[in-house]
Amino acid sequence: MEIDYIAHENNLRNVKSSYKFIASISIMIFALVVNMPIVSLFITFVIGIFLLLVAKIPFKFYIKFISIPFGFALITCIFMAFFFGSGQILFNTGIFGIVVREDALSLAITTFCRTLACFSALGLLSLTTPIAEILNDLGKIKIPKIFIEIALLMYTSIFVFLDQIKIMTNAQKTRMGYNGFKNSYRSLGLLISNLFFKSLDKGEKLQHALDSRGYNGELPKYKP
């Protein structure tokens, strides 16, 4: 829920959302077209400094925000470096013929840097603009209404599920559910299974709530 609060309480909050939307998309396209690691790293660095110093995004939160794609990108690119390519061998692990090739390493580094640059550009928009304004901008560029409504419902549901996870995790912790590896493994399985049934229940309640409020197939959207 912190990201939603920061989107409403930053120094760029009152800047017109369409400007931020255009800037974010333009930077993403530029990073993809140029396809140079040094340029991608420069974009990542500049956007990070801009968000911290100009938008006043909290440093600890931004590090946590950027660490999620960083982790996924790192794992993916390590896999690419070891299992892709057909060029010169740079490093031989000696395990089942797994090697690091020159073109695979280059591809992995380029992909990693592009991922960080594109996610930083996305952060420029998501950390400074409330979701309602983003959806309004998507409507302006003629994105189908069904996709906008699905995005709105998914965004709302994320916070509901996060709240449910927190409640269930705290309940398990009070019963020593995470005391030891075996108990932790069992509690995690119960948490996932219970969350699945909770999501079905919440979805049904959401549909009843929409029907009781005269839902006619289209959700009203914020228009500034």
Protein backbone atom coordinates (compact mmCIF):
# COMPACT_ATOMS: atom_id res chain seq x y z
CA MET A 1 0.00 0.00 0.00
CA GLU A 2 3.03 2.25 0.37
CA ILE A 3 3.37 2.72 -3.38
CA ASP A 4 -0.18 4.09 -3.60
CA TYR A 5 0.53 6.58 -0.81
CA ILE A 6 3.79 7.72 -2.44
CA ALA A 7 2.04 8.19 -5.80
CA HIS A 8 -0.29 10.68 -4.09
CA GLU A 9 2.33 12.34 -1.86
CA ASN A 10 5.36 13.26 -3.96
CA ASN A 11 6.72 16.51 -5.34
CA LEU A 12 5.63 15.66 -8.90
CA ARG A 13 2.06 14.82 -7.90
CA ASN A 14 0.64 18.01 -9.44
CA VAL A 15 2.53 17.73 -12.73
CA LYS A 16 0.11 16.83 -15.51
CA SER A 17 -0.12 13.05 -15.76
CA SER A 18 -0.04 13.03 -19.56
CA TYR A 19 3.43 14.66 -19.51
CA LYS A 20 4.76 11.96 -17.18
CA PHE A 21 3.07 9.28 -19.26
CA ILE A 22 4.67 10.52 -22.49
CA ALA A 23 8.08 10.91 -20.82
CA SER A 24 7.98 7.40 -19.36
CA ILE A 25 6.94 5.71 -22.61
CA SER A 26 9.47 7.74 -24.63
CA ILE A 27 12.33 6.75 -22.33
CA MET A 28 11.33 3.09 -22.51
CA ILE A 29 11.22 3.16 -26.32
CA PHE A 30 14.56 4.99 -26.45
CA ALA A 31 16.21 2.39 -24.18
CA LEU A 32 14.88 -0.45 -26.33
CA VAL A 33 15.84 1.13 -29.65
CA VAL A 34 19.36 2.24 -28.69
CA ASN A 35 20.13 -1.17 -27.15
CA MET A 36 23.42 -0.10 -25.54
CA PRO A 37 24.23 -1.19 -21.96
CA ILE A 38 26.01 2.07 -21.11
CA VAL A 39 22.99 4.11 -22.24
CA SER A 40 20.60 1.87 -20.28
CA LEU A 41 22.71 2.22 -17.11
CA PHE A 42 22.83 6.00 -17.62
CA ILE A 43 19.03 6.13 -17.91
CA THR A 44 18.64 4.02 -14.76
CA PHE A 45 21.03 6.26 -12.83
CA VAL A 46 19.50 9.56 -14.00
CA ILE A 47 15.91 8.46 -13.30
CA GLY A 48 16.92 7.19 -9.86
CA ILE A 49 18.57 10.51 -8.95
CA PHE A 50 15.61 12.42 -10.36
CA LEU A 51 13.08 10.45 -8.33
CA LEU A 52 15.12 10.73 -5.12
CA LEU A 53 16.09 14.40 -5.35
CA VAL A 54 13.24 15.99 -7.32
CA ALA A 55 10.21 13.81 -6.62
CA LYS A 56 11.49 13.13 -3.06
CA ILE A 57 10.78 9.40 -3.16
CA PRO A 58 12.10 7.79 0.07
CA PHE A 59 15.50 6.18 -0.53
CA LYS A 60 14.72 2.91 1.29
CA PHE A 61 11.46 2.48 -0.57
CA TYR A 62 13.06 3.13 -3.97
CA ILE A 63 15.79 0.57 -3.27
CA LYS A 64 13.11 -1.96 -2.32
CA PHE A 65 11.10 -1.02 -5.43
CA ILE A 66 14.03 -1.46 -7.83
CA SER A 67 15.36 -4.60 -6.12
CA ILE A 68 12.39 -6.73 -7.29
CA PRO A 69 13.09 -6.44 -11.05
CA PHE A 70 16.82 -6.44 -10.29
CA GLY A 71 16.53 -9.90 -8.72
CA PHE A 72 14.39 -11.36 -11.50
CA ALA A 73 16.55 -9.84 -14.23
CA LEU A 74 19.75 -11.10 -12.60
CA ILE A 75 18.48 -14.69 -12.37
CA THR A 76 17.20 -14.61 -15.97
CA CYS A 77 20.42 -13.15 -17.36
CA ILE A 78 22.62 -15.66 -15.50
CA PHE A 79 20.55 -18.39 -17.11
CA MET A 80 20.98 -16.74 -20.52
CA ALA A 81 24.74 -16.45 -20.07
CA PHE A 82 25.16 -20.16 -19.31
CA PHE A 83 22.65 -21.73 -21.69
CA PHE A 84 22.51 -19.47 -24.77
CA GLY A 85 24.93 -18.54 -27.52
CA SER A 86 27.19 -20.31 -29.98
CA GLY A 87 30.29 -18.13 -30.09
CA GLN A 88 33.70 -18.29 -28.45
CA ILE A 89 33.85 -19.99 -25.05
CA LEU A 90 34.92 -17.63 -22.26
CA PHE A 91 34.41 -19.90 -19.26
CA ASN A 92 33.89 -23.65 -18.92
CA THR A 93 32.22 -24.83 -15.73
CA GLY A 94 33.15 -28.45 -16.35
CA ILE A 95 29.62 -29.51 -15.39
CA PHE A 96 27.64 -31.31 -18.12
CA GLY A 97 29.25 -29.15 -20.79
CA ILE A 98 27.80 -25.90 -19.40
CA VAL A 99 29.85 -22.95 -20.66
CA VAL A 100 29.68 -19.17 -20.92
CA ARG A 101 30.06 -17.95 -24.50
CA GLU A 102 30.99 -14.47 -25.66
CA ASP A 103 27.74 -13.68 -27.50
CA ALA A 104 25.63 -15.15 -24.66
CA LEU A 105 27.40 -13.00 -22.08
CA SER A 106 26.92 -9.91 -24.24
CA LEU A 107 23.22 -10.72 -24.65
CA ALA A 108 22.79 -11.27 -20.91
CA ILE A 109 24.45 -7.96 -19.98
CA THR A 110 22.44 -6.04 -22.59
CA THR A 111 19.16 -7.62 -21.48
CA PHE A 112 19.91 -6.93 -17.82
CA CYS A 113 20.68 -3.26 -18.44
CA ARG A 114 17.64 -2.77 -20.69
CA THR A 115 15.39 -4.34 -18.04
CA LEU A 116 16.63 -1.93 -15.38
CA ALA A 117 16.26 1.07 -17.71
CA CYS A 118 12.71 0.16 -18.74
CA PHE A 119 11.61 -0.57 -15.19
CA SER A 120 13.12 2.72 -14.02
CA ALA A 121 11.12 4.51 -16.72
CA LEU A 122 8.03 2.69 -15.53
CA GLY A 123 8.84 3.76 -11.98
CA LEU A 124 8.98 7.37 -13.15
CA LEU A 125 5.29 7.04 -13.97
CA SER A 126 4.00 4.66 -11.29
CA LEU A 127 5.76 6.34 -8.34
CA THR A 128 4.63 9.86 -9.21
CA THR A 129 1.15 9.31 -10.68
CA PRO A 130 -1.96 7.79 -9.02
CA ILE A 131 -3.44 4.79 -10.80
CA ALA A 132 -6.68 6.65 -11.57
CA GLU A 133 -4.81 9.23 -13.66
CA ILE A 134 -2.79 6.55 -15.44
CA LEU A 135 -5.97 4.72 -16.42
CA ASN A 136 -7.47 7.98 -17.63
CA ASP A 137 -4.44 8.54 -19.87
CA LEU A 138 -4.76 5.00 -21.22
CA GLY A 139 -8.35 5.80 -22.14
CA LYS A 140 -7.18 8.87 -24.05
CA ILE A 141 -4.97 6.79 -26.33
CA LYS A 142 -7.92 4.49 -27.09
CA ILE A 143 -6.89 1.44 -25.05
CA PRO A 144 -9.97 -0.86 -25.02
CA LYS A 145 -12.18 -0.27 -21.99
CA ILE A 146 -12.13 -3.93 -21.05
CA PHE A 147 -8.34 -3.83 -20.48
CA ILE A 148 -8.60 -0.66 -18.40
CA GLU A 149 -11.33 -2.18 -16.23
CA ILE A 150 -9.35 -5.40 -15.74
CA ALA A 151 -6.30 -3.34 -14.73
CA LEU A 152 -8.40 -1.36 -12.25
CA LEU A 153 -9.89 -4.50 -10.69
CA MET A 154 -6.50 -6.21 -10.52
CA TYR A 155 -4.91 -3.17 -8.88
CA THR A 156 -7.68 -3.03 -6.29
CA SER A 157 -7.49 -6.78 -5.65
CA ILE A 158 -3.74 -6.68 -5.06
CA PHE A 159 -4.19 -4.59 -1.92
CA VAL A 160 -6.99 -6.85 -0.69
CA PHE A 161 -4.83 -9.94 -1.13
CA LEU A 162 -1.80 -8.29 0.50
CA ASP A 163 -3.96 -7.46 3.49
CA GLN A 164 -5.21 -11.05 3.65
CA ILE A 165 -1.66 -12.40 3.44
CA LYS A 166 -0.59 -10.15 6.30
CA ILE A 167 -3.52 -11.24 8.49
CA MET A 168 -2.97 -14.95 7.82
CA THR A 169 0.81 -14.71 8.25
CA ASN A 170 0.45 -12.95 11.61
CA ALA A 171 -2.05 -15.60 12.71
CA GLN A 172 0.41 -18.36 11.77
CA LYS A 173 3.30 -16.63 13.54
CA THR A 174 1.34 -16.36 16.80
CA ARG A 175 0.89 -20.14 16.65
CA MET A 176 4.62 -20.77 16.02
CA GLY A 177 3.84 -21.69 12.43
CA TYR A 178 7.27 -20.57 11.21
CA ASN A 179 9.32 -22.17 13.96
CA GLY A 180 11.73 -24.39 12.05
CA PHE A 181 12.03 -25.37 8.39
CA LYS A 182 9.38 -28.10 8.50
CA ASN A 183 6.76 -25.88 10.13
CA SER A 184 7.62 -22.99 7.79
CA TYR A 185 7.21 -25.21 4.72
CA ARG A 186 3.87 -26.50 5.98
CA SER A 187 2.61 -23.02 6.93
CA LEU A 188 3.58 -21.62 3.53
CA GLY A 189 1.57 -24.35 1.80
CA LEU A 190 -1.45 -23.65 3.99
CA LEU A 191 -1.10 -19.92 3.33
CA ILE A 192 -1.06 -20.41 -0.45
CA SER A 193 -4.02 -22.82 -0.46
CA ASN A 194 -6.10 -20.62 1.87
CA LEU A 195 -5.28 -17.56 -0.22
CA PHE A 196 -6.60 -19.34 -3.32
CA PHE A 197 -9.98 -20.00 -1.68
CA LYS A 198 -10.01 -16.50 -0.21
CA SER A 199 -9.46 -15.05 -3.69
CA LEU A 200 -12.43 -17.00 -5.06
CA ASP A 201 -14.58 -15.77 -2.18
CA LYS A 202 -13.44 -12.16 -2.61
CA GLY A 203 -14.09 -12.33 -6.35
CA GLU A 204 -17.65 -13.52 -5.78
CA LYS A 205 -18.26 -10.80 -3.19
CA LEU A 206 -16.85 -8.19 -5.56
CA GLN A 207 -19.27 -9.30 -8.29
CA HIS A 208 -22.20 -9.07 -5.83
CA ALA A 209 -21.03 -5.60 -4.78
CA LEU A 210 -20.88 -4.43 -8.39
CA ASP A 211 -24.32 -5.88 -9.18
CA SER A 212 -25.88 -4.22 -6.12
CA ARG A 213 -24.55 -0.86 -7.30
CA GLY A 214 -26.05 -1.12 -10.77
CA TYR A 215 -23.03 -2.43 -12.66
CA ASN A 216 -23.93 -2.44 -16.35
CA GLY A 217 -20.69 -3.74 -17.86
CA GLU A 218 -18.65 -0.54 -17.57
CA LEU A 219 -16.93 0.90 -14.51
CA PRO A 220 -16.92 4.68 -14.06
CA LYS A 221 -13.41 6.10 -14.35
CA TYR A 222 -11.78 9.17 -12.88
CA LYS A 223 -11.71 12.15 -15.21
CA PRO A 224 -9.75 15.19 -13.98
